[in-house]
Protein backbone atom coordinates (compact mmCIF):
# COMPACT_ATOMS: atom_id res chain seq x y z
CA MET A 1 -22.16 16.39 -12.25
CA SER A 2 -21.25 12.73 -12.03
CA ASN A 3 -18.08 11.74 -13.86
CA SER A 4 -17.60 7.98 -13.67
CA GLN A 5 -14.62 8.29 -16.05
CA THR A 6 -12.61 10.52 -13.72
CA LYS A 7 -8.90 9.94 -14.29
CA ALA A 8 -6.55 9.02 -11.47
CA VAL A 9 -5.13 12.09 -9.75
CA ALA A 10 -1.72 12.39 -8.14
CA LEU A 11 -2.00 12.03 -4.38
CA SER A 12 0.35 15.01 -4.23
CA LYS A 13 -2.11 17.28 -6.07
CA PHE A 14 -5.67 16.18 -5.33
CA ASP A 15 -8.30 18.64 -4.10
CA GLU A 16 -9.82 17.35 -0.86
CA SER A 17 -12.97 19.43 -1.46
CA LEU A 18 -13.81 17.06 -4.34
CA LEU A 19 -13.95 14.00 -2.06
CA THR A 20 -17.36 12.43 -1.37
CA PHE A 21 -17.78 9.76 1.30
CA SER A 22 -20.53 7.19 0.74
CA GLU A 23 -22.88 5.92 3.40
CA LEU A 24 -21.45 3.00 5.31
CA LYS A 25 -22.80 -0.50 4.73
CA THR A 26 -22.64 -3.39 7.14
CA GLY A 27 -20.42 -6.23 6.01
CA GLY A 28 -19.14 -9.50 7.41
CA LYS A 29 -18.47 -9.88 11.14
CA GLY A 30 -20.45 -6.72 11.89
CA GLY A 31 -17.95 -4.39 10.26
CA LYS A 32 -18.95 -1.30 8.33
CA PHE A 33 -17.51 -0.36 4.97
CA GLY A 34 -17.71 2.64 2.65
CA ASN A 35 -16.44 3.90 -0.68
CA ILE A 36 -15.06 7.29 -1.64
CA GLN A 37 -15.63 9.25 -4.83
CA TYR A 38 -13.49 11.99 -6.30
CA ASN A 39 -15.09 14.66 -8.47
CA GLY A 40 -18.09 12.39 -8.98
CA GLY A 41 -16.10 9.37 -10.15
CA LYS A 42 -13.87 6.70 -8.66
CA CYS A 43 -11.30 7.91 -6.16
CA GLN A 44 -7.96 6.82 -7.59
CA PHE A 45 -4.64 8.20 -6.40
CA LYS A 46 -1.30 8.00 -8.19
CA VAL A 47 1.71 7.22 -5.97
CA PRO A 48 5.22 7.91 -7.35
CA LYS A 49 7.96 5.30 -7.65
CA SER A 50 8.55 3.89 -4.19
CA ASN A 51 10.50 1.16 -2.43
CA THR A 52 8.60 -2.00 -1.53
CA PHE A 53 9.07 -5.11 0.57
CA GLY A 54 7.57 -7.23 -2.20
CA ALA A 55 4.32 -9.14 -2.29
CA ASP A 56 3.24 -11.12 0.75
CA GLU A 57 0.68 -13.90 1.11
CA TYR A 58 -1.13 -14.65 4.35
CA THR A 59 -4.19 -16.51 5.57
CA SER A 60 -6.89 -14.50 7.33
CA GLU A 61 -8.82 -15.63 10.39
CA ASP A 62 -11.62 -17.06 8.24
CA GLY A 63 -9.12 -19.21 6.33
CA THR A 64 -9.07 -17.26 3.06
CA LYS A 65 -5.78 -16.31 1.43
CA GLN A 66 -4.96 -12.65 0.95
CA TRP A 67 -2.12 -10.74 -0.70
CA THR A 68 -0.56 -7.37 0.04
CA ILE A 69 2.52 -5.37 -0.88
CA GLN A 70 4.13 -3.10 1.68
CA VAL A 71 5.42 0.27 0.46
CA GLN A 72 8.20 2.19 2.21
CA ILE A 73 8.89 5.91 1.86
CA LYS A 74 12.16 6.98 3.47
CA LYS A 75 12.95 10.29 5.11
CA GLU A 76 15.73 11.01 2.63
CA ASP A 77 13.34 10.46 -0.28
CA ILE A 78 10.91 12.97 1.19
CA GLU A 79 13.69 15.51 1.74
CA SER A 80 15.24 15.12 -1.72
CA ASP A 81 12.14 14.66 -3.90
CA PRO A 82 9.42 17.38 -3.84
CA GLU A 83 6.91 14.98 -5.42
CA MET A 84 7.42 12.48 -2.61
CA LYS A 85 7.10 15.21 0.02
CA ASN A 86 3.86 16.40 -1.57
CA THR A 87 2.62 12.80 -1.68
CA MET A 88 3.10 12.45 2.07
CA ASP A 89 1.32 15.79 2.52
CA GLY A 90 -1.47 14.33 0.39
CA PHE A 91 -1.84 11.39 2.78
CA SER A 92 -2.17 13.89 5.63
CA ARG A 93 -4.76 15.97 3.77
CA PHE A 94 -6.75 12.84 2.98
CA GLU A 95 -6.65 11.77 6.63
CA LYS A 96 -7.83 15.21 7.72
CA ALA A 97 -10.79 15.03 5.30
CA LEU A 98 -11.71 11.57 6.61
CA ARG A 99 -11.55 12.77 10.22
CA GLU A 100 -13.80 15.74 9.43
CA ASN A 101 -16.32 13.42 7.79
CA ALA A 102 -16.23 11.08 10.80
CA LYS A 103 -16.87 14.02 13.12
CA ALA A 104 -19.87 15.13 11.06
CA ASN A 105 -21.31 11.60 10.95
CA GLY A 106 -20.37 10.29 14.38
CA PRO A 107 -23.45 8.10 15.06
CA GLU A 108 -23.17 6.43 11.63
CA TYR A 109 -19.49 5.72 12.12
CA PHE A 110 -19.28 4.76 15.77
CA GLY A 111 -22.85 3.94 16.87
CA ASN A 112 -23.06 2.66 20.43
CA LYS A 113 -19.43 3.51 21.07
CA LEU A 114 -20.63 7.10 21.44
CA LYS A 115 -22.52 8.09 24.56
CA LYS A 116 -25.85 9.86 24.18
CA LYS A 117 -25.35 13.23 22.42
CA GLN A 118 -21.58 12.77 22.53
CA LYS A 119 -19.71 14.51 19.75
CA VAL A 120 -16.69 13.03 18.02
CA SER A 121 -13.64 14.94 19.21
CA ASP A 122 -10.04 14.80 18.03
CA GLU A 123 -9.18 12.92 21.22
CA PHE A 124 -11.93 10.38 20.50
CA LEU A 125 -10.65 9.89 16.95
CA ASP A 126 -7.06 9.53 18.12
CA ALA A 127 -8.21 6.54 20.19
CA SER A 128 -10.64 5.17 17.57
CA MET A 129 -8.75 5.45 14.30
CA ASN A 130 -5.97 3.43 12.73
CA PRO A 131 -3.24 5.54 11.11
CA ILE A 132 -3.28 6.13 7.35
CA TYR A 133 0.34 4.97 7.30
CA LYS A 134 2.82 3.74 9.92
CA THR A 135 5.91 5.67 10.97
CA SER A 136 9.16 4.13 12.14
CA VAL A 137 9.77 3.97 15.89
CA ASN A 138 12.97 4.42 17.87
CA LYS A 139 13.60 1.05 19.54
CA GLU A 140 15.07 2.65 22.65
CA THR A 141 12.51 5.39 23.31
CA GLY A 142 9.44 3.84 21.68
CA GLU A 143 8.76 7.22 20.04
CA GLU A 144 8.22 7.83 16.33
CA ASP A 145 11.46 8.95 14.70
CA GLY A 146 10.35 9.55 11.12
CA ARG A 147 13.15 7.55 9.46
CA TYR A 148 10.57 6.01 7.13
CA HIS A 149 6.84 5.51 6.64
CA THR A 150 5.05 2.39 5.41
CA PHE A 151 1.61 1.46 4.17
CA LYS A 152 0.14 -1.72 2.71
CA VAL A 153 -1.56 -2.00 -0.66
CA LYS A 154 -4.06 -4.84 -0.98
CA LEU A 155 -3.80 -7.07 -4.05
CA GLN A 156 -7.37 -8.18 -4.59
CA PRO A 157 -8.08 -11.46 -6.40
CA ASP A 158 -10.41 -11.36 -9.38
CA ARG A 159 -13.86 -12.62 -8.44
CA LYS A 160 -14.55 -14.02 -11.89
CA LYS A 161 -11.14 -15.37 -12.96
CA GLU A 162 -9.81 -17.91 -10.52
CA GLY A 163 -6.15 -17.50 -9.69
CA ARG A 164 -5.94 -14.01 -11.22
CA PHE A 165 -5.97 -10.51 -9.73
CA SER A 166 -8.36 -7.63 -10.32
CA PHE A 167 -5.65 -4.97 -10.76
CA GLY A 168 -3.52 -4.28 -13.83
CA ALA A 169 0.21 -4.94 -13.57
CA PHE A 170 3.02 -3.89 -15.92
CA ASP A 171 6.80 -4.13 -15.97
CA SER A 172 9.14 -1.16 -16.32
CA LYS A 173 8.76 -1.30 -20.13
CA LYS A 174 4.97 -1.05 -19.68
CA GLU A 175 4.47 -4.62 -20.88
CA PRO A 176 1.75 -6.60 -19.07
CA LEU A 177 2.91 -8.67 -16.10
CA GLU A 178 1.17 -12.04 -15.91
CA LEU A 179 0.57 -12.21 -12.18
CA THR A 180 -1.33 -15.05 -10.56
CA THR A 181 -2.03 -15.99 -6.97
CA GLU A 182 0.57 -18.72 -7.40
CA ASN A 183 3.45 -16.59 -8.73
CA VAL A 184 2.89 -13.09 -7.33
CA VAL A 185 5.19 -13.54 -4.32
CA ASP A 186 8.03 -14.70 -6.60
CA LYS A 187 7.37 -12.06 -9.27
CA LEU A 188 7.15 -9.07 -6.93
CA GLN A 189 10.22 -9.54 -4.77
CA LYS A 190 11.62 -7.56 -1.88
CA TRP A 191 13.40 -4.28 -2.75
CA GLY A 192 11.63 -3.98 -6.07
CA LYS A 193 10.14 -0.54 -6.69
CA ALA A 194 6.71 0.36 -7.98
CA LYS A 195 4.45 3.15 -9.10
CA PHE A 196 0.81 2.69 -8.09
CA ILE A 197 -2.72 3.79 -8.70
CA ILE A 198 -4.57 2.99 -5.49
CA GLU A 199 -8.20 3.20 -4.40
CA PRO A 200 -9.13 3.98 -0.76
CA ARG A 201 -11.97 2.23 1.03
CA ILE A 202 -13.19 2.95 4.53
CA TYR A 203 -13.69 0.29 7.17
CA ILE A 204 -14.83 0.29 10.78
CA ILE A 205 -14.11 -2.97 12.55
CA ASN A 206 -14.41 -3.44 16.31
CA GLY A 207 -14.99 0.29 16.66
CA LYS A 208 -11.77 1.22 14.82
CA LEU A 209 -11.92 3.48 11.79
CA GLY A 210 -9.36 2.99 9.06
CA VAL A 211 -8.61 2.99 5.34
CA SER A 212 -7.59 0.09 3.12
CA TRP A 213 -5.62 0.91 -0.02
CA TYR A 214 -6.42 -1.35 -3.00
CA ALA A 215 -4.23 -1.64 -6.08
CA TYR A 216 -5.88 -0.53 -9.33
CA GLN A 217 -2.68 -0.49 -11.38
CA LEU A 218 0.96 -1.25 -10.65
CA LEU A 219 4.13 -0.48 -12.63
CA TRP A 220 6.92 -2.74 -11.39
CA TYR A 221 10.69 -2.18 -11.37
CA GLU A 222 12.92 -5.15 -10.58
CA PRO A 223 15.38 -4.87 -7.65
CA GLU A 224 18.58 -3.10 -8.67
CA GLY A 225 21.24 -5.33 -7.10
CA GLY A 226 21.95 -5.73 -3.41
CA GLY A 227 18.53 -7.19 -2.71
CA PRO A 228 17.77 -10.79 -1.79
CA VAL A 229 17.34 -13.32 -4.57
CA ASN A 230 14.96 -16.27 -4.40
CA PRO A 231 17.22 -19.29 -5.15
CA HIS A 232 14.22 -21.31 -6.37
CA THR A 233 13.10 -18.84 -9.06
CA ARG A 234 16.21 -16.98 -10.25
CA CYS A 235 19.41 -18.71 -11.39
CA MET A 236 22.61 -16.88 -10.42
CA ILE A 237 24.99 -19.46 -11.93
CA ASP A 238 26.46 -18.82 -15.36
CA SER A 239 25.91 -21.67 -17.84
CA SER A 240 29.52 -21.47 -19.09
CA ASP A 241 32.04 -23.53 -17.08
CA ASP A 242 34.91 -21.31 -18.27
CA GLU A 243 33.21 -18.15 -17.09
CA GLU A 244 32.34 -19.76 -13.77
CA GLU A 245 36.01 -20.59 -13.22
CA GLU A 246 37.03 -17.02 -14.06
CA ASP A 247 34.46 -15.62 -11.67
CA ASN A 248 35.57 -17.95 -8.89
CA ASP A 249 39.21 -16.92 -9.37
CA GLU A 250 38.33 -13.24 -9.05
CA ASP A 251 36.10 -13.35 -6.00
CA LYS A 252 34.61 -16.40 -4.32
CA ASN A 253 32.14 -14.24 -2.39
CA GLU A 254 30.86 -12.18 -5.31
CA LEU A 255 27.34 -13.58 -5.07
CA ILE A 256 27.00 -13.22 -1.31
CA ASP A 257 24.94 -10.23 -0.11
CA ASP A 258 25.94 -9.11 3.36
CA SER A 259 23.82 -5.98 3.33
CA ASP A 260 21.30 -5.36 6.10
CA SER A 261 17.84 -6.11 4.68
CA ASP A 262 15.90 -4.49 7.51
């Protein structure tokens, strides 16, 4: 039974047997794209409070502006928080379901990239699929070391309201955040944390299968000290001359952050 009102499910707890992959449709530049349903409704996953690198703006090859926010999940968070560990397991279960669907629908997914009567093997997918998330790499060995994992969440502009976004955004008190394409980079700064509801969408571009994660809702937590501050948007100087003098007498370097931001 179709259930278009399906509520978002925690990525840590979803049932992969309830996933339904739509037929792929051809989009711009010859790419193929597809949606995913969960239990007959929208596929929406809840991601627990995670570190982020803040919002980023970039210009795509066709000249349009796009916005993303990169999420980081550290090894110590996975080891200390069962919900985070189960969330990472959920990513793996989702990837496995996608791979199985790609194997069952090889010609639709990969077309001429497959030889006549060739079946999609794990080895073929390893070479033809972008990872669901990226894992940190040891600079010396070039091997994955698992110190942290990252994935990008796309912040999609609203098609009807110029300068606005299509997702809902709230601060830590659950009050609406007024995000626009002009202020989002300043509002969502590096080292802020967020909880997400994300929607997966399949793409195949230049023969590479992958998943884009789109924000549906975002609950934002401001950086808790130690993170970089944008000097153009946040004033760090006290308005009282007396208090400024007291602060300067105590520690001239109090406002300087020497922590490693990598």
